[in-house]
Amino acid sequence: ADLLFKRGQALRSLGRWEEALADWREALHIYEELGDAGAVGRISADISTQLAWGARFEESLEIGRRGLVALGEGVSAERCRLLGLVVRALSIAGQYAAGSSTLAQSLAMAEEVGDQRLLGEILDYKTRHHFYHMQYPEAVDAGMRAAELLRSAGDLWNLADALWPAQWSLLRLGRLDEAAKIGQELEPLAASVGHLGALLLARAVRASRELM
């Protein structure tokens, strides 16, 4: 299961998303049979994230909830991360109140766990929550804080994930020079780790800024 998970990570970074998901689903099944709740929670988060990038939001939410059931109640990094993914799914679906409530729960749990990298991930979901509801100043503030924590932790994949909604928010606020500055970091970063979604969005911001 561990090898399948790692191969899935490599395939994802090569843009072979369906093959990555196949490996991850197989690994998830093995972890469930082994009763390894922590691993189920971790890989459910990756599957849910990738499904969301493919606009398969109902499947993403289903996998996230499957991981939460496996983890049960209580405080853990894995449960906190999955709650953050549920926030993203709710926000995309336009369920602002439910997303805000789940976000508050996730942020409180991240603070309780005391992991700055985890807090950076949850702040990334907060950035998305505000971005999807056109609350751009709030999205920029959350995104910059998330980026600072993720950069310090050396979490490059999630750093790219946090920078793109902040950059789009700056573009929509007309803060074009700040958006360009983020792009100078984001584009080579996303290319280097194979985060194709973030790279696509960063290039779209650059094109929009140049057009303006």
Protein backbone atom coordinates (compact mmCIF):
# COMPACT_ATOMS: atom_id res chain seq x y z
CA ALA A 1 0.00 0.00 0.00
CA ASP A 2 2.83 2.38 0.82
CA LEU A 3 4.47 1.74 -2.55
CA LEU A 4 1.19 2.23 -4.39
CA PHE A 5 0.69 5.52 -2.58
CA LYS A 6 4.16 6.77 -3.53
CA ARG A 7 3.79 5.67 -7.14
CA GLY A 8 0.50 7.54 -7.22
CA GLN A 9 2.30 10.69 -6.07
CA ALA A 10 4.83 10.34 -8.89
CA LEU A 11 2.11 9.75 -11.48
CA ARG A 12 0.18 12.79 -10.29
CA SER A 13 3.22 15.01 -10.78
CA LEU A 14 3.56 13.68 -14.33
CA GLY A 15 -0.02 14.68 -15.11
CA ARG A 16 -1.21 11.04 -15.22
CA TRP A 17 -4.10 11.73 -12.90
CA GLU A 18 -6.31 8.71 -13.60
CA GLU A 19 -3.41 6.31 -13.06
CA ALA A 20 -2.55 8.09 -9.81
CA LEU A 21 -6.13 7.78 -8.60
CA ALA A 22 -6.18 4.07 -9.48
CA ASP A 23 -3.06 3.43 -7.38
CA TRP A 24 -4.42 5.49 -4.50
CA ARG A 25 -7.79 3.74 -4.51
CA GLU A 26 -6.06 0.36 -4.40
CA ALA A 27 -3.85 1.53 -1.54
CA LEU A 28 -6.91 2.90 0.29
CA HIS A 29 -8.63 -0.49 0.05
CA ILE A 30 -5.56 -2.24 1.51
CA TYR A 31 -5.25 0.27 4.36
CA GLU A 32 -8.93 -0.21 5.18
CA GLU A 33 -8.49 -4.00 5.26
CA LEU A 34 -5.48 -3.55 7.56
CA GLY A 35 -7.47 -1.27 9.86
CA ASP A 36 -4.86 1.50 9.56
CA ALA A 37 -7.16 4.47 10.22
CA GLY A 38 -4.37 7.04 10.07
CA ALA A 39 -3.28 5.88 6.62
CA VAL A 40 -6.89 5.79 5.45
CA GLY A 41 -7.29 9.40 6.56
CA ARG A 42 -4.07 10.54 4.85
CA ILE A 43 -4.72 8.88 1.51
CA SER A 44 -8.39 9.89 1.53
CA ALA A 45 -7.19 13.49 1.70
CA ASP A 46 -4.98 13.04 -1.38
CA ILE A 47 -7.71 11.29 -3.36
CA SER A 48 -10.26 13.92 -2.40
CA THR A 49 -7.89 16.70 -3.42
CA GLN A 50 -7.16 15.17 -6.82
CA LEU A 51 -10.83 14.50 -7.55
CA ALA A 52 -11.59 18.15 -6.80
CA TRP A 53 -8.94 19.26 -9.32
CA GLY A 54 -10.81 17.12 -11.87
CA ALA A 55 -14.08 18.92 -10.98
CA ARG A 56 -15.44 15.65 -9.54
CA PHE A 57 -16.74 17.38 -6.45
CA GLU A 58 -19.36 14.86 -5.32
CA GLU A 59 -16.78 12.06 -5.44
CA SER A 60 -14.32 14.29 -3.61
CA LEU A 61 -16.78 14.92 -0.80
CA GLU A 62 -17.70 11.22 -0.62
CA ILE A 63 -14.05 10.16 -0.21
CA GLY A 64 -13.47 12.87 2.39
CA ARG A 65 -16.40 11.66 4.45
CA ARG A 66 -15.24 8.05 4.04
CA GLY A 67 -11.92 9.03 5.60
CA LEU A 68 -13.66 10.87 8.44
CA VAL A 69 -15.74 7.79 9.25
CA ALA A 70 -12.58 5.67 9.42
CA LEU A 71 -10.88 8.14 11.74
CA GLY A 72 -13.83 8.50 14.09
CA GLU A 73 -14.21 11.36 16.52
CA GLY A 74 -11.29 13.03 18.23
CA VAL A 75 -8.44 15.37 17.45
CA SER A 76 -5.82 14.41 14.87
CA ALA A 77 -3.94 15.95 11.95
CA GLU A 78 -5.64 13.55 9.54
CA ARG A 79 -9.15 14.43 10.73
CA CYS A 80 -8.31 18.14 10.68
CA ARG A 81 -7.07 17.92 7.09
CA LEU A 82 -10.16 16.04 5.92
CA LEU A 83 -12.42 18.63 7.55
CA GLY A 84 -10.56 21.25 5.53
CA LEU A 85 -11.25 19.31 2.34
CA VAL A 86 -14.93 19.17 3.24
CA VAL A 87 -14.81 22.96 3.59
CA ARG A 88 -13.52 23.26 0.04
CA ALA A 89 -16.27 21.01 -1.33
CA LEU A 90 -18.97 22.92 0.55
CA SER A 91 -17.57 26.26 -0.61
CA ILE A 92 -17.48 25.22 -4.25
CA ALA A 93 -21.09 24.08 -3.88
CA GLY A 94 -22.06 27.55 -2.62
CA GLN A 95 -22.85 26.39 0.92
CA TYR A 96 -21.29 29.36 2.67
CA ALA A 97 -22.72 28.87 6.17
CA ALA A 98 -21.89 25.15 6.31
CA GLY A 99 -18.41 25.84 4.94
CA SER A 100 -17.78 28.58 7.50
CA SER A 101 -18.89 26.35 10.37
CA THR A 102 -16.69 23.44 9.27
CA LEU A 103 -13.78 25.82 8.66
CA ALA A 104 -14.00 27.15 12.22
CA GLN A 105 -13.92 23.57 13.51
CA SER A 106 -10.92 22.71 11.35
CA LEU A 107 -8.95 25.83 12.33
CA ALA A 108 -9.58 25.18 16.03
CA MET A 109 -8.36 21.60 15.64
CA ALA A 110 -5.23 22.72 13.79
CA GLU A 111 -4.41 25.11 16.63
CA GLU A 112 -4.99 22.30 19.14
CA VAL A 113 -2.72 19.89 17.25
CA GLY A 114 -0.03 22.61 17.25
CA ASP A 115 1.41 21.77 13.82
CA GLN A 116 2.31 24.90 11.82
CA ARG A 117 2.42 23.02 8.52
CA LEU A 118 -1.08 21.66 9.16
CA LEU A 119 -2.30 25.14 10.09
CA GLY A 120 -0.89 26.37 6.78
CA GLU A 121 -2.93 23.75 4.92
CA ILE A 122 -6.13 24.71 6.73
CA LEU A 123 -5.50 28.40 6.03
CA ASP A 124 -5.20 27.40 2.37
CA TYR A 125 -8.75 26.02 2.58
CA LYS A 126 -9.80 29.26 4.25
CA THR A 127 -8.31 31.11 1.28
CA ARG A 128 -10.42 29.01 -1.11
CA HIS A 129 -13.53 29.51 0.99
CA HIS A 130 -13.22 33.30 0.70
CA PHE A 131 -12.10 33.16 -2.94
CA TYR A 132 -15.08 31.07 -4.07
CA HIS A 133 -17.43 33.60 -2.46
CA MET A 134 -15.65 36.65 -3.94
CA GLN A 135 -14.29 37.85 -0.59
CA TYR A 136 -11.00 38.78 -2.14
CA PRO A 137 -9.30 40.86 0.60
CA GLU A 138 -9.94 38.04 3.09
CA ALA A 139 -8.65 35.48 0.59
CA VAL A 140 -5.41 37.43 0.12
CA ASP A 141 -4.84 37.74 3.88
CA ALA A 142 -5.44 34.02 4.52
CA GLY A 143 -3.39 33.00 1.48
CA MET A 144 -0.35 35.05 2.46
CA ARG A 145 -0.39 33.65 5.98
CA ALA A 146 -0.80 30.10 4.64
CA ALA A 147 2.08 30.61 2.21
CA GLU A 148 4.36 31.85 4.96
CA LEU A 149 3.74 28.77 7.11
CA LEU A 150 4.00 26.30 4.23
CA ARG A 151 7.15 27.93 2.88
CA SER A 152 8.77 27.67 6.32
CA ALA A 153 7.77 24.00 6.54
CA GLY A 154 9.19 23.24 3.08
CA ASP A 155 5.79 21.97 1.89
CA LEU A 156 6.17 23.02 -1.74
CA TRP A 157 3.11 21.28 -3.17
CA ASN A 158 0.71 22.92 -0.72
CA LEU A 159 2.58 26.21 -1.04
CA ALA A 160 1.71 26.23 -4.75
CA ASP A 161 -1.83 25.29 -3.80
CA ALA A 162 -2.11 28.29 -1.47
CA LEU A 163 -0.51 30.87 -3.76
CA TRP A 164 -2.78 30.55 -6.80
CA PRO A 165 -6.10 31.63 -5.16
CA ALA A 166 -4.29 34.50 -3.45
CA GLN A 167 -2.83 35.54 -6.81
CA TRP A 168 -6.24 35.40 -8.52
CA SER A 169 -7.74 37.45 -5.69
CA LEU A 170 -5.08 40.13 -6.16
CA LEU A 171 -5.81 40.19 -9.89
CA ARG A 172 -9.51 40.71 -9.27
CA LEU A 173 -8.75 43.48 -6.79
CA GLY A 174 -6.68 45.26 -9.46
CA ARG A 175 -3.46 44.81 -7.47
CA LEU A 176 -1.60 43.76 -10.59
CA ASP A 177 1.98 44.28 -9.45
CA GLU A 178 1.41 42.14 -6.35
CA ALA A 179 -0.19 39.44 -8.51
CA ALA A 180 2.86 39.51 -10.79
CA LYS A 181 5.21 39.17 -7.83
CA ILE A 182 3.43 36.03 -6.65
CA GLY A 183 3.63 34.66 -10.18
CA GLN A 184 7.40 35.01 -10.18
CA GLU A 185 7.51 32.50 -7.33
CA LEU A 186 4.50 30.39 -8.24
CA GLU A 187 5.16 29.50 -11.88
CA PRO A 188 8.63 27.93 -11.44
CA LEU A 189 7.52 26.34 -8.18
CA ALA A 190 4.44 24.70 -9.72
CA ALA A 191 6.49 23.52 -12.70
CA SER A 192 9.18 22.02 -10.49
CA VAL A 193 6.79 19.93 -8.35
CA GLY A 194 4.44 19.03 -11.21
CA HIS A 195 1.44 20.93 -9.83
CA LEU A 196 -0.21 21.34 -13.22
CA GLY A 197 -3.38 22.95 -11.92
CA ALA A 198 -1.52 25.72 -10.11
CA LEU A 199 0.73 26.23 -13.13
CA LEU A 200 -2.25 26.58 -15.46
CA LEU A 201 -3.91 29.15 -13.18
CA ALA A 202 -0.71 31.13 -12.64
CA ARG A 203 -0.16 31.43 -16.39
CA ALA A 204 -3.78 32.52 -16.83
CA VAL A 205 -3.21 35.32 -14.29
CA ARG A 206 -0.05 36.41 -16.11
CA ALA A 207 -1.89 36.50 -19.43
CA SER A 208 -4.78 38.48 -17.91
CA ARG A 209 -2.41 40.97 -16.32
CA GLU A 210 -0.50 41.48 -19.58
CA LEU A 211 -3.78 42.01 -21.44
CA MET A 212 -4.88 44.63 -18.92
